[in-house]
Amino acid sequence: MKRVKILTICEGAISVALALALSYLKIPIGAGFGGWGGSVDLVMIPLIIFACHRGLWGLGAGLVFGTLKFFLAGGVAINWQSMLLDYSVAYMFVGFAGLMKGRRAALPLGALIGCAARFAVHFFSGVTIYAILAPEEILGVMTGSSALYSLLYNASYMLPNTVLAVVLCAILQKPLKKFLAKQ
């Protein structure tokens, strides 16, 4: 194997390990939604930094992290499809932050792209898989549709996660500028 590929794999493994460690430090929001999951945490930060440094290798790191998070950090799923979408695929899509590799404001823009992509997967999962569990009313709002339920539920934790990720990545952009520029 080439040296760069080995370094990339090692850096990805460290990012996954750091994200997994951070997954145990979270603020759960599930109580407002009948006990279902969703939390505010910092797990996307190492994945975004890795993706912005190594490009679309971030997709693989996100996939590995999402799968490990389900099995090792208390994942909740109603079937195998929800496990794949809400963990493996959703965190894999955070790797789309790698599209910003080499750009001037790579980290905050990558955070926005990665979080939006993850939200899209969760929204799709909510509309297709969790539609059977959607209550008529959520947080005092009559939903009436699985799309509105999915939007409200997923926005309740993805919006704070997105704001947190974009702000922290904007703060980290300058100190990590040289690191992100190195290959």
C-alpha atoms as a PDB file:
ATOM      1  CA  MET A   1       0.000   0.000   0.000  1.00  0.00           C
ATOM      2  CA  LYS A   2       1.091   3.505  -0.654  1.00  0.00           C
ATOM      3  CA  ARG A   3       2.109   5.578   2.348  1.00  0.00           C
ATOM      4  CA  VAL A   4      -0.650   8.158   1.744  1.00  0.00           C
ATOM      5  CA  LYS A   5      -3.337   5.458   1.667  1.00  0.00           C
ATOM      6  CA  ILE A   6      -2.095   3.972   4.935  1.00  0.00           C
ATOM      7  CA  LEU A   7      -2.019   7.430   6.549  1.00  0.00           C
ATOM      8  CA  THR A   8      -5.544   8.099   5.283  1.00  0.00           C
ATOM      9  CA  ILE A   9      -6.869   4.820   6.708  1.00  0.00           C
ATOM     10  CA  CYS A  10      -5.156   5.466  10.056  1.00  0.00           C
ATOM     11  CA  GLU A  11      -6.481   9.019  10.203  1.00  0.00           C
ATOM     12  CA  GLY A  12      -9.965   7.716   9.367  1.00  0.00           C
ATOM     13  CA  ALA A  13      -9.747   5.117  12.139  1.00  0.00           C
ATOM     14  CA  ILE A  14      -8.700   7.775  14.651  1.00  0.00           C
ATOM     15  CA  SER A  15     -11.588   9.997  13.540  1.00  0.00           C
ATOM     16  CA  VAL A  16     -14.055   7.118  13.930  1.00  0.00           C
ATOM     17  CA  ALA A  17     -12.664   6.270  17.381  1.00  0.00           C
ATOM     18  CA  LEU A  18     -12.890   9.893  18.506  1.00  0.00           C
ATOM     19  CA  ALA A  19     -16.444  10.205  17.173  1.00  0.00           C
ATOM     20  CA  LEU A  20     -17.410   6.979  18.941  1.00  0.00           C
ATOM     21  CA  ALA A  21     -15.958   8.251  22.229  1.00  0.00           C
ATOM     22  CA  LEU A  22     -17.878  11.521  21.785  1.00  0.00           C
ATOM     23  CA  SER A  23     -21.106   9.577  21.151  1.00  0.00           C
ATOM     24  CA  TYR A  24     -21.276   8.764  24.852  1.00  0.00           C
ATOM     25  CA  LEU A  25     -21.428  12.497  25.700  1.00  0.00           C
ATOM     26  CA  LYS A  26     -24.845  13.601  24.529  1.00  0.00           C
ATOM     27  CA  ILE A  27     -27.975  15.502  25.421  1.00  0.00           C
ATOM     28  CA  PRO A  28     -30.945  13.244  24.590  1.00  0.00           C
ATOM     29  CA  ILE A  29     -34.124  14.852  23.266  1.00  0.00           C
ATOM     30  CA  GLY A  30     -36.242  11.703  22.985  1.00  0.00           C
ATOM     31  CA  ALA A  31     -38.671  12.468  25.832  1.00  0.00           C
ATOM     32  CA  GLY A  32     -40.734  14.873  23.714  1.00  0.00           C
ATOM     33  CA  PHE A  33     -41.185  12.192  21.073  1.00  0.00           C
ATOM     34  CA  GLY A  34     -42.447   9.226  23.027  1.00  0.00           C
ATOM     35  CA  GLY A  35     -38.987   8.097  24.101  1.00  0.00           C
ATOM     36  CA  TRP A  36     -37.513   7.657  20.605  1.00  0.00           C
ATOM     37  CA  GLY A  37     -33.901   8.630  20.022  1.00  0.00           C
ATOM     38  CA  GLY A  38     -32.239  11.782  18.821  1.00  0.00           C
ATOM     39  CA  SER A  39     -29.603  13.743  20.682  1.00  0.00           C
ATOM     40  CA  VAL A  40     -27.346  16.754  20.508  1.00  0.00           C
ATOM     41  CA  ASP A  41     -23.682  15.771  20.493  1.00  0.00           C
ATOM     42  CA  LEU A  42     -20.282  16.421  18.910  1.00  0.00           C
ATOM     43  CA  VAL A  43     -19.850  13.164  16.970  1.00  0.00           C
ATOM     44  CA  MET A  44     -19.882  14.782  13.543  1.00  0.00           C
ATOM     45  CA  ILE A  45     -16.939  17.110  14.238  1.00  0.00           C
ATOM     46  CA  PRO A  46     -14.130  14.509  13.823  1.00  0.00           C
ATOM     47  CA  LEU A  47     -15.917  13.040  10.788  1.00  0.00           C
ATOM     48  CA  ILE A  48     -16.237  16.469   9.164  1.00  0.00           C
ATOM     49  CA  ILE A  49     -12.598  17.347   9.855  1.00  0.00           C
ATOM     50  CA  PHE A  50     -11.480  14.021   8.362  1.00  0.00           C
ATOM     51  CA  ALA A  51     -13.710  14.467   5.309  1.00  0.00           C
ATOM     52  CA  CYS A  52     -12.510  18.029   4.703  1.00  0.00           C
ATOM     53  CA  HIS A  53      -8.926  16.802   4.920  1.00  0.00           C
ATOM     54  CA  ARG A  54      -9.202  13.587   2.897  1.00  0.00           C
ATOM     55  CA  GLY A  55     -12.190  14.270   0.658  1.00  0.00           C
ATOM     56  CA  LEU A  56     -14.771  11.600  -0.004  1.00  0.00           C
ATOM     57  CA  TRP A  57     -12.860   9.089   2.117  1.00  0.00           C
ATOM     58  CA  GLY A  58     -15.133  10.649   4.727  1.00  0.00           C
ATOM     59  CA  LEU A  59     -18.004   8.577   3.334  1.00  0.00           C
ATOM     60  CA  GLY A  60     -16.254   5.392   4.445  1.00  0.00           C
ATOM     61  CA  ALA A  61     -15.403   6.782   7.871  1.00  0.00           C
ATOM     62  CA  GLY A  62     -19.014   7.853   8.357  1.00  0.00           C
ATOM     63  CA  LEU A  63     -20.293   4.430   7.310  1.00  0.00           C
ATOM     64  CA  VAL A  64     -17.986   2.652   9.748  1.00  0.00           C
ATOM     65  CA  PHE A  65     -18.829   5.084  12.555  1.00  0.00           C
ATOM     66  CA  GLY A  66     -22.590   4.844  12.016  1.00  0.00           C
ATOM     67  CA  THR A  67     -22.509   1.055  12.083  1.00  0.00           C
ATOM     68  CA  LEU A  68     -20.342   0.975  15.209  1.00  0.00           C
ATOM     69  CA  LYS A  69     -22.519   3.603  16.891  1.00  0.00           C
ATOM     70  CA  PHE A  70     -25.596   1.436  16.468  1.00  0.00           C
ATOM     71  CA  PHE A  71     -23.956  -1.633  17.979  1.00  0.00           C
ATOM     72  CA  LEU A  72     -21.751  -0.026  20.642  1.00  0.00           C
ATOM     73  CA  ALA A  73     -23.497   3.184  21.688  1.00  0.00           C
ATOM     74  CA  GLY A  74     -27.098   2.205  22.303  1.00  0.00           C
ATOM     75  CA  GLY A  75     -28.612   2.413  18.843  1.00  0.00           C
ATOM     76  CA  VAL A  76     -32.407   2.256  18.503  1.00  0.00           C
ATOM     77  CA  ALA A  77     -34.106   0.793  15.428  1.00  0.00           C
ATOM     78  CA  ILE A  78     -37.426  -0.848  14.660  1.00  0.00           C
ATOM     79  CA  ASN A  79     -36.027  -3.040  11.869  1.00  0.00           C
ATOM     80  CA  TRP A  80     -32.864  -3.607   9.850  1.00  0.00           C
ATOM     81  CA  GLN A  81     -33.854  -0.927   7.332  1.00  0.00           C
ATOM     82  CA  SER A  82     -34.090   1.717  10.025  1.00  0.00           C
ATOM     83  CA  MET A  83     -30.728   0.599  11.423  1.00  0.00           C
ATOM     84  CA  LEU A  84     -29.108   0.993   8.005  1.00  0.00           C
ATOM     85  CA  LEU A  85     -30.710   4.347   7.211  1.00  0.00           C
ATOM     86  CA  ASP A  86     -30.541   6.016  10.624  1.00  0.00           C
ATOM     87  CA  TYR A  87     -27.013   4.939  11.455  1.00  0.00           C
ATOM     88  CA  SER A  88     -24.862   3.542   8.640  1.00  0.00           C
ATOM     89  CA  VAL A  89     -26.197   5.615   5.724  1.00  0.00           C
ATOM     90  CA  ALA A  90     -26.985   8.778   7.698  1.00  0.00           C
ATOM     91  CA  TYR A  91     -23.471   9.069   9.099  1.00  0.00           C
ATOM     92  CA  MET A  92     -21.976   8.005   5.778  1.00  0.00           C
ATOM     93  CA  PHE A  93     -23.668  11.065   4.260  1.00  0.00           C
ATOM     94  CA  VAL A  94     -21.822  13.297   6.748  1.00  0.00           C
ATOM     95  CA  GLY A  95     -18.810  12.340   4.620  1.00  0.00           C
ATOM     96  CA  PHE A  96     -20.160  14.576   1.841  1.00  0.00           C
ATOM     97  CA  ALA A  97     -18.428  17.323   3.799  1.00  0.00           C
ATOM     98  CA  GLY A  98     -15.433  16.066   1.809  1.00  0.00           C
ATOM     99  CA  LEU A  99     -16.809  17.909  -1.221  1.00  0.00           C
ATOM    100  CA  MET A 100     -15.354  21.034   0.394  1.00  0.00           C
ATOM    101  CA  LYS A 101     -11.816  19.631   0.526  1.00  0.00           C
ATOM    102  CA  GLY A 102      -9.331  22.326  -0.402  1.00  0.00           C
ATOM    103  CA  ARG A 103     -11.850  25.172  -0.237  1.00  0.00           C
ATOM    104  CA  ARG A 104     -11.269  28.340   1.727  1.00  0.00           C
ATOM    105  CA  ALA A 105     -13.961  27.798   4.387  1.00  0.00           C
ATOM    106  CA  ALA A 106     -13.941  24.019   4.090  1.00  0.00           C
ATOM    107  CA  LEU A 107     -14.903  23.144   7.664  1.00  0.00           C
ATOM    108  CA  PRO A 108     -18.007  25.295   8.205  1.00  0.00           C
ATOM    109  CA  LEU A 109     -19.261  24.704   4.647  1.00  0.00           C
ATOM    110  CA  GLY A 110     -18.477  21.005   4.939  1.00  0.00           C
ATOM    111  CA  ALA A 111     -20.347  20.899   8.248  1.00  0.00           C
ATOM    112  CA  LEU A 112     -23.383  22.479   6.617  1.00  0.00           C
ATOM    113  CA  ILE A 113     -23.297  20.042   3.687  1.00  0.00           C
ATOM    114  CA  GLY A 114     -22.651  16.982   5.870  1.00  0.00           C
ATOM    115  CA  CYS A 115     -25.417  17.903   8.323  1.00  0.00           C
ATOM    116  CA  ALA A 116     -27.902  18.653   5.535  1.00  0.00           C
ATOM    117  CA  ALA A 117     -27.121  15.315   3.887  1.00  0.00           C
ATOM    118  CA  ARG A 118     -27.550  13.473   7.191  1.00  0.00           C
ATOM    119  CA  PHE A 119     -30.839  15.282   7.821  1.00  0.00           C
ATOM    120  CA  ALA A 120     -32.096  14.244   4.361  1.00  0.00           C
ATOM    121  CA  VAL A 121     -31.478  10.569   5.190  1.00  0.00           C
ATOM    122  CA  HIS A 122     -33.198  10.853   8.577  1.00  0.00           C
ATOM    123  CA  PHE A 123     -36.134  12.672   6.988  1.00  0.00           C
ATOM    124  CA  PHE A 124     -36.488   9.960   4.335  1.00  0.00           C
ATOM    125  CA  SER A 125     -36.326   7.289   7.028  1.00  0.00           C
ATOM    126  CA  GLY A 126     -39.022   9.065   9.017  1.00  0.00           C
ATOM    127  CA  VAL A 127     -41.334   9.379   6.033  1.00  0.00           C
ATOM    128  CA  THR A 128     -40.895   5.805   4.839  1.00  0.00           C
ATOM    129  CA  ILE A 129     -40.097   3.616   7.842  1.00  0.00           C
ATOM    130  CA  TYR A 130     -41.323   5.479  10.913  1.00  0.00           C
ATOM    131  CA  ALA A 131     -44.566   6.671   9.271  1.00  0.00           C
ATOM    132  CA  ILE A 132     -46.454   3.860  11.016  1.00  0.00           C
ATOM    133  CA  LEU A 133     -45.384   5.243  14.408  1.00  0.00           C
ATOM    134  CA  ALA A 134     -46.099   8.917  13.711  1.00  0.00           C
ATOM    135  CA  PRO A 135     -48.462  10.335  16.355  1.00  0.00           C
ATOM    136  CA  GLU A 136     -51.305  12.692  15.450  1.00  0.00           C
ATOM    137  CA  GLU A 137     -49.837  15.422  17.670  1.00  0.00           C
ATOM    138  CA  ILE A 138     -46.257  16.263  18.498  1.00  0.00           C
ATOM    139  CA  LEU A 139     -45.105  19.080  20.767  1.00  0.00           C
ATOM    140  CA  GLY A 140     -48.577  20.578  20.596  1.00  0.00           C
ATOM    141  CA  VAL A 141     -48.672  20.590  16.786  1.00  0.00           C
ATOM    142  CA  MET A 142     -51.173  18.463  14.871  1.00  0.00           C
ATOM    143  CA  THR A 143     -49.027  16.672  12.316  1.00  0.00           C
ATOM    144  CA  GLY A 144     -51.509  14.880  10.087  1.00  0.00           C
ATOM    145  CA  SER A 145     -48.730  13.537   7.893  1.00  0.00           C
ATOM    146  CA  SER A 146     -45.620  11.463   8.242  1.00  0.00           C
ATOM    147  CA  ALA A 147     -43.628  14.121   6.349  1.00  0.00           C
ATOM    148  CA  LEU A 148     -44.488  16.839   8.877  1.00  0.00           C
ATOM    149  CA  TYR A 149     -43.797  14.482  11.774  1.00  0.00           C
ATOM    150  CA  SER A 150     -40.440  13.513  10.272  1.00  0.00           C
ATOM    151  CA  LEU A 151     -39.569  17.153   9.639  1.00  0.00           C
ATOM    152  CA  LEU A 152     -40.399  18.224  13.208  1.00  0.00           C
ATOM    153  CA  TYR A 153     -38.807  15.234  14.877  1.00  0.00           C
ATOM    154  CA  ASN A 154     -35.567  15.268  12.907  1.00  0.00           C
ATOM    155  CA  ALA A 155     -35.241  19.054  12.963  1.00  0.00           C
ATOM    156  CA  SER A 156     -35.562  18.980  16.763  1.00  0.00           C
ATOM    157  CA  TYR A 157     -32.112  17.425  17.104  1.00  0.00           C
ATOM    158  CA  MET A 158     -30.505  18.028  13.699  1.00  0.00           C
ATOM    159  CA  LEU A 159     -30.958  21.800  13.816  1.00  0.00           C
ATOM    160  CA  PRO A 160     -29.049  22.185  17.122  1.00  0.00           C
ATOM    161  CA  ASN A 161     -26.457  19.644  15.898  1.00  0.00           C
ATOM    162  CA  THR A 162     -26.026  21.584  12.657  1.00  0.00           C
ATOM    163  CA  VAL A 163     -25.639  24.943  14.402  1.00  0.00           C
ATOM    164  CA  LEU A 164     -23.160  23.415  16.862  1.00  0.00           C
ATOM    165  CA  ALA A 165     -21.151  21.733  14.088  1.00  0.00           C
ATOM    166  CA  VAL A 166     -21.019  24.815  11.848  1.00  0.00           C
ATOM    167  CA  VAL A 167     -20.009  27.132  14.717  1.00  0.00           C
ATOM    168  CA  LEU A 168     -17.332  24.763  16.070  1.00  0.00           C
ATOM    169  CA  CYS A 169     -15.984  24.088  12.581  1.00  0.00           C
ATOM    170  CA  ALA A 170     -15.832  27.828  11.879  1.00  0.00           C
ATOM    171  CA  ILE A 171     -13.834  28.266  15.095  1.00  0.00           C
ATOM    172  CA  LEU A 172     -11.528  25.350  14.153  1.00  0.00           C
ATOM    173  CA  GLN A 173     -11.017  26.476  10.529  1.00  0.00           C
ATOM    174  CA  LYS A 174      -8.128  28.839  11.248  1.00  0.00           C
ATOM    175  CA  PRO A 175      -6.169  26.628  13.700  1.00  0.00           C
ATOM    176  CA  LEU A 176      -6.543  23.632  11.325  1.00  0.00           C
ATOM    177  CA  LYS A 177      -5.764  25.553   8.130  1.00  0.00           C
ATOM    178  CA  LYS A 178      -2.282  24.042   7.673  1.00  0.00           C
ATOM    179  CA  PHE A 179      -3.493  20.543   8.588  1.00  0.00           C
ATOM    180  CA  LEU A 180      -6.322  20.706   6.063  1.00  0.00           C
ATOM    181  CA  ALA A 181      -3.951  21.891   3.325  1.00  0.00           C
ATOM    182  CA  LYS A 182      -1.502  18.976   3.816  1.00  0.00           C
ATOM    183  CA  GLN A 183      -1.904  15.782   1.863  1.00  0.00           C
END
